Amino acid sequence: MAEILYQTPDVVLWQAALVSILVSYLFSQTIAFVYMLTHQGVSYSRSYVVSLVAAGLVSTVLMLAIGNNLARGIGIVGTLALIRFRMQMHDSLDMIYVFAAFAGGVAAGTGNFATGAIGTAAFLIVVSVLQVSGFGSRQRHDGVLRVQLPPDEESESALLASLRNHCRHFAAISVREVAQGREAERVYQITLRSTGKEALLVKDVAAIKGAHGVSIAMQEATHEI
């Protein structure tokens, strides 16, 4: 069917345009849906998901408009060069999703439906497996503990005892004077002995004489701090 609809090089039949746009929508909608399911992090944007669907349709229309006409292609490229995209990508994988949506749209616009379907499926399977399996992650600690204590050995010893009791590993990041030298803010990287027990550590550290401002910023696998 594709050979019949796309046999005219300069003028695209409306049936061909309709089929291409529908197939492109299917490709880009699937890509956007998988992105929604596998996205990790705090930078999720509904506008970006909608843009993935639109990107596929736009690339399809461009390919249909260009066809085999070199002059059209040069004109469209020149027009697109005037557009300045200001969207910030918080994740490099987001950019790859945009390219995947464009690739599916280009394949649909040129009538290469099988290539587009196989390429889109392969991309989504690989990305989904890598995301779900946590491939490439190197989490070395659970979070960061902050506490303000009097600058004396007794307070420091009590803090270290609490850390040893609740943490498998911990390492001091920084120590700085606060309250005009009457207190010291201590920051530690921590790895808890049991997940989900950070509240017990906070309670234990807060019970130290003179301790206040106790907080833990947890570094989950889906967050960046």
Foldseek 3Di string as FASTA:
>chain_A
DLCVQLVDQQAGDPVLLVQLLVLLLVLQLVLLVLCVVLAFEDPDDPVLSVVSSVLLNVLLVLLLNCGVPPVSVVVVVVVVVVDDDDDDDPDPVSVVSSVLSNVLSNCSNNSVSVVSVVSSVVVSVVVNVCRVVVPPDDDDFFWKKKKKAFPDPQLVVQLVVLQVVFFPDKDWDDWDADPVNRIIMTMMGTHTPDPPCVVVSQVSSCPRPRMDPIDIDTDDSRYDD
